């Protein structure tokens, strides 16, 4: 599975980490918002979003896969803090 990370995505005006999720033979752009990353890792440096993503990559991708089937295919999948609230409590 290949995941590409980018903080500077020109076609989206959101703050977070963009990655590509490979599911079967398809690839889907996803973004995990910085608020969700902060919720997952309160002790990390808030300036290093990529490091927070890498530390919690497996959990983030599990959430993305669950959300994948319930979203529109032509838009990037957005993962916000609401996706992790029950896990963080």
N, C-alpha and C. Protein backbone atom coordinates (compact mmCIF):
# COMPACT_ATOMS: atom_id res chain seq x y z
N UNK A 1 0.85 -1.16 0.00
CA UNK A 1 0.00 0.00 0.00
C UNK A 1 0.90 1.23 0.00
N UNK A 2 0.61 2.16 -0.90
CA UNK A 2 1.40 3.37 -1.03
C UNK A 2 0.61 4.53 -0.48
N UNK A 3 1.20 5.26 0.41
CA UNK A 3 0.57 6.45 0.97
C UNK A 3 1.45 7.65 0.69
N UNK A 4 0.86 8.68 0.10
CA UNK A 4 1.59 9.90 -0.17
C UNK A 4 1.11 10.95 0.81
N UNK A 5 2.03 11.63 1.47
CA UNK A 5 1.68 12.67 2.42
C UNK A 5 1.98 14.02 1.82
N UNK A 6 1.12 14.98 2.07
CA UNK A 6 1.36 16.33 1.59
C UNK A 6 0.60 17.31 2.47
N UNK A 7 1.29 18.30 2.98
CA UNK A 7 0.65 19.37 3.72
C UNK A 7 0.23 20.51 2.81
N UNK A 8 0.77 20.54 1.59
CA UNK A 8 0.52 21.65 0.67
C UNK A 8 -0.23 21.17 -0.56
N UNK A 9 -1.49 20.89 -0.41
CA UNK A 9 -2.33 20.46 -1.52
C UNK A 9 -3.00 21.69 -2.09
N UNK A 10 -2.77 21.98 -3.37
CA UNK A 10 -3.23 23.25 -3.94
C UNK A 10 -4.73 23.29 -4.21
N UNK A 11 -5.37 22.16 -4.49
CA UNK A 11 -6.79 22.21 -4.82
C UNK A 11 -7.70 22.13 -3.60
N UNK A 12 -7.16 21.93 -2.42
CA UNK A 12 -7.95 21.92 -1.19
C UNK A 12 -7.44 23.01 -0.26
N UNK A 13 -8.36 23.74 0.31
CA UNK A 13 -7.97 24.81 1.22
C UNK A 13 -8.29 24.39 2.66
N UNK A 14 -7.67 23.31 3.12
CA UNK A 14 -7.88 22.82 4.47
C UNK A 14 -6.53 22.59 5.13
N UNK A 15 -6.54 22.57 6.46
CA UNK A 15 -5.31 22.39 7.21
C UNK A 15 -5.28 20.98 7.79
N UNK A 16 -4.34 20.17 7.35
CA UNK A 16 -4.23 18.80 7.81
C UNK A 16 -3.20 18.06 6.98
N UNK A 17 -3.31 16.75 6.97
CA UNK A 17 -2.39 15.90 6.22
C UNK A 17 -3.18 15.17 5.14
N UNK A 18 -2.76 15.34 3.89
CA UNK A 18 -3.37 14.66 2.75
C UNK A 18 -2.63 13.36 2.53
N UNK A 19 -3.37 12.28 2.28
CA UNK A 19 -2.75 11.01 1.95
C UNK A 19 -3.62 10.27 0.94
N UNK A 20 -3.05 9.28 0.29
CA UNK A 20 -3.78 8.48 -0.67
C UNK A 20 -3.98 7.09 -0.08
N UNK A 21 -5.21 6.64 -0.09
CA UNK A 21 -5.56 5.32 0.43
C UNK A 21 -5.76 4.37 -0.74
N UNK A 22 -5.01 3.29 -0.75
CA UNK A 22 -5.16 2.27 -1.78
C UNK A 22 -6.07 1.18 -1.25
N UNK A 23 -7.20 0.99 -1.94
CA UNK A 23 -8.18 -0.02 -1.53
C UNK A 23 -8.51 -0.84 -2.76
N UNK A 24 -8.05 -2.08 -2.78
CA UNK A 24 -8.23 -2.92 -3.96
C UNK A 24 -7.42 -2.34 -5.11
N UNK A 25 -8.08 -2.08 -6.23
CA UNK A 25 -7.39 -1.51 -7.38
C UNK A 25 -7.64 -0.01 -7.51
N UNK A 26 -8.30 0.59 -6.56
CA UNK A 26 -8.57 2.02 -6.63
C UNK A 26 -7.74 2.78 -5.60
N UNK A 27 -7.57 4.06 -5.88
CA UNK A 27 -6.85 4.96 -4.97
C UNK A 27 -7.77 6.14 -4.67
N UNK A 28 -7.77 6.56 -3.43
CA UNK A 28 -8.66 7.63 -3.01
C UNK A 28 -7.90 8.66 -2.21
N UNK A 29 -8.05 9.93 -2.56
CA UNK A 29 -7.44 11.01 -1.79
C UNK A 29 -8.21 11.17 -0.49
N UNK A 30 -7.47 11.33 0.59
CA UNK A 30 -8.06 11.53 1.91
C UNK A 30 -7.31 12.65 2.60
N UNK A 31 -7.97 13.29 3.52
CA UNK A 31 -7.30 14.28 4.36
C UNK A 31 -7.77 14.09 5.79
N UNK A 32 -6.80 14.08 6.70
CA UNK A 32 -7.13 14.04 8.12
C UNK A 32 -6.84 15.45 8.65
N UNK A 33 -7.86 16.08 9.20
CA UNK A 33 -7.75 17.46 9.66
C UNK A 33 -6.82 17.57 10.86
N UNK A 34 -6.20 18.72 11.00
CA UNK A 34 -5.25 18.90 12.11
C UNK A 34 -5.93 18.76 13.46
N UNK A 35 -7.21 19.11 13.59
CA UNK A 35 -7.91 18.96 14.85
C UNK A 35 -8.02 17.49 15.24
N UNK A 36 -8.20 16.61 14.25
CA UNK A 36 -8.26 15.17 14.51
C UNK A 36 -6.89 14.66 14.94
N UNK A 37 -5.84 15.15 14.30
CA UNK A 37 -4.48 14.74 14.68
C UNK A 37 -4.16 15.19 16.09
N UNK A 38 -4.56 16.41 16.46
CA UNK A 38 -4.32 16.89 17.82
C UNK A 38 -5.07 16.04 18.84
N UNK A 39 -6.27 15.61 18.51
CA UNK A 39 -7.05 14.77 19.41
C UNK A 39 -6.37 13.42 19.63
N UNK A 40 -5.78 12.87 18.57
CA UNK A 40 -5.10 11.57 18.69
C UNK A 40 -3.82 11.66 19.51
N UNK A 41 -3.11 12.77 19.39
CA UNK A 41 -1.80 12.87 20.01
C UNK A 41 -1.62 14.22 20.68
N UNK A 42 -2.11 14.34 21.88
CA UNK A 42 -2.04 15.61 22.60
C UNK A 42 -0.63 15.96 23.05
N UNK A 43 0.24 14.96 23.18
CA UNK A 43 1.59 15.22 23.69
C UNK A 43 2.60 15.54 22.58
N UNK A 44 2.20 15.46 21.32
CA UNK A 44 3.13 15.68 20.22
C UNK A 44 3.26 17.18 19.91
N UNK A 45 4.31 17.51 19.18
CA UNK A 45 4.54 18.87 18.73
C UNK A 45 3.45 19.24 17.72
N UNK A 46 2.62 20.23 18.00
CA UNK A 46 1.52 20.55 17.10
C UNK A 46 1.98 21.05 15.73
N UNK A 47 3.22 21.43 15.59
CA UNK A 47 3.73 21.89 14.30
C UNK A 47 4.08 20.74 13.37
N UNK A 48 4.26 19.54 13.90
CA UNK A 48 4.69 18.40 13.10
C UNK A 48 3.53 17.45 12.83
N UNK A 49 2.63 17.87 11.95
CA UNK A 49 1.44 17.07 11.64
C UNK A 49 1.80 15.75 10.99
N UNK A 50 2.84 15.73 10.15
CA UNK A 50 3.24 14.48 9.49
C UNK A 50 3.68 13.43 10.51
N UNK A 51 4.41 13.86 11.54
CA UNK A 51 4.86 12.91 12.57
C UNK A 51 3.68 12.34 13.35
N UNK A 52 2.70 13.19 13.64
CA UNK A 52 1.51 12.71 14.34
C UNK A 52 0.77 11.71 13.45
N UNK A 53 0.65 12.03 12.15
CA UNK A 53 0.00 11.11 11.22
C UNK A 53 0.72 9.77 11.19
N UNK A 54 2.01 9.80 11.05
CA UNK A 54 2.77 8.53 10.96
C UNK A 54 2.62 7.70 12.22
N UNK A 55 2.59 8.34 13.37
CA UNK A 55 2.45 7.61 14.64
C UNK A 55 1.10 6.91 14.73
N UNK A 56 0.07 7.50 14.14
CA UNK A 56 -1.29 6.96 14.23
C UNK A 56 -1.83 6.53 12.87
N UNK A 57 -0.95 6.23 11.93
CA UNK A 57 -1.33 5.91 10.56
C UNK A 57 -2.30 4.73 10.47
N UNK A 58 -2.03 3.68 11.20
CA UNK A 58 -2.89 2.49 11.13
C UNK A 58 -4.32 2.82 11.56
N UNK A 59 -4.46 3.52 12.68
CA UNK A 59 -5.78 3.88 13.20
C UNK A 59 -6.52 4.81 12.23
N UNK A 60 -5.80 5.78 11.66
CA UNK A 60 -6.39 6.72 10.71
C UNK A 60 -6.87 6.00 9.46
N UNK A 61 -6.07 5.07 8.98
CA UNK A 61 -6.46 4.34 7.77
C UNK A 61 -7.63 3.39 8.02
N UNK A 62 -7.73 2.85 9.21
CA UNK A 62 -8.90 2.03 9.55
C UNK A 62 -10.18 2.86 9.48
N UNK A 63 -10.13 4.07 10.03
CA UNK A 63 -11.29 4.96 9.99
C UNK A 63 -11.60 5.34 8.54
N UNK A 64 -10.57 5.63 7.75
CA UNK A 64 -10.77 6.00 6.35
C UNK A 64 -11.43 4.87 5.57
N UNK A 65 -11.03 3.64 5.81
CA UNK A 65 -11.64 2.50 5.11
C UNK A 65 -13.11 2.33 5.49
N UNK A 66 -13.43 2.55 6.77
CA UNK A 66 -14.83 2.45 7.18
C UNK A 66 -15.68 3.55 6.53
N UNK A 67 -15.09 4.73 6.39
CA UNK A 67 -15.81 5.86 5.81
C UNK A 67 -15.87 5.80 4.28
N UNK A 68 -14.98 5.05 3.69
CA UNK A 68 -14.83 5.01 2.24
C UNK A 68 -16.11 4.64 1.51
N UNK A 69 -16.83 3.68 2.01
CA UNK A 69 -18.00 3.18 1.31
C UNK A 69 -19.23 4.06 1.47
N UNK A 70 -19.19 4.99 2.40
CA UNK A 70 -20.36 5.84 2.63
C UNK A 70 -20.18 7.27 2.11
N UNK A 71 -19.16 7.50 1.29
CA UNK A 71 -18.92 8.85 0.81
C UNK A 71 -18.91 8.90 -0.72
N UNK A 72 -18.96 10.10 -1.24
CA UNK A 72 -18.96 10.29 -2.69
C UNK A 72 -17.56 10.02 -3.25
N UNK A 73 -17.49 9.30 -4.33
CA UNK A 73 -16.21 8.86 -4.87
C UNK A 73 -15.42 9.98 -5.53
N UNK A 74 -16.06 11.04 -5.99
CA UNK A 74 -15.34 12.08 -6.72
C UNK A 74 -14.75 13.16 -5.82
N UNK A 75 -14.98 13.09 -4.53
CA UNK A 75 -14.45 14.09 -3.60
C UNK A 75 -13.49 13.43 -2.63
N UNK A 76 -12.47 14.19 -2.18
CA UNK A 76 -11.56 13.63 -1.17
C UNK A 76 -12.32 13.31 0.12
N UNK A 77 -11.89 12.27 0.77
CA UNK A 77 -12.48 11.83 2.04
C UNK A 77 -11.88 12.68 3.16
N UNK A 78 -12.71 13.34 3.94
CA UNK A 78 -12.24 14.21 5.03
C UNK A 78 -12.49 13.53 6.36
N UNK A 79 -11.42 13.39 7.13
CA UNK A 79 -11.50 12.76 8.45
C UNK A 79 -11.26 13.83 9.50
N UNK A 80 -12.28 14.09 10.28
CA UNK A 80 -12.19 15.12 11.31
C UNK A 80 -12.15 14.52 12.69
N UNK A 81 -12.14 15.36 13.71
CA UNK A 81 -12.05 14.87 15.10
C UNK A 81 -13.26 14.03 15.50
N UNK A 82 -14.41 14.24 14.86
CA UNK A 82 -15.60 13.44 15.17
C UNK A 82 -15.37 11.95 14.94
N UNK A 83 -14.44 11.59 14.08
CA UNK A 83 -14.18 10.18 13.77
C UNK A 83 -13.44 9.47 14.91
N UNK A 84 -12.83 10.23 15.82
CA UNK A 84 -11.99 9.64 16.87
C UNK A 84 -12.48 9.94 18.27
N UNK A 85 -13.55 10.65 18.43
CA UNK A 85 -14.01 11.06 19.78
C UNK A 85 -14.25 9.89 20.71
N UNK A 86 -14.89 8.84 20.28
CA UNK A 86 -15.16 7.68 21.14
C UNK A 86 -13.87 6.96 21.51
N UNK A 87 -12.90 6.94 20.61
CA UNK A 87 -11.63 6.27 20.88
C UNK A 87 -10.76 7.06 21.84
N UNK A 88 -10.89 8.39 21.82
CA UNK A 88 -10.04 9.23 22.67
C UNK A 88 -10.54 9.30 24.10
N UNK A 89 -11.82 9.03 24.32
CA UNK A 89 -12.40 9.15 25.67
C UNK A 89 -11.97 8.02 26.56
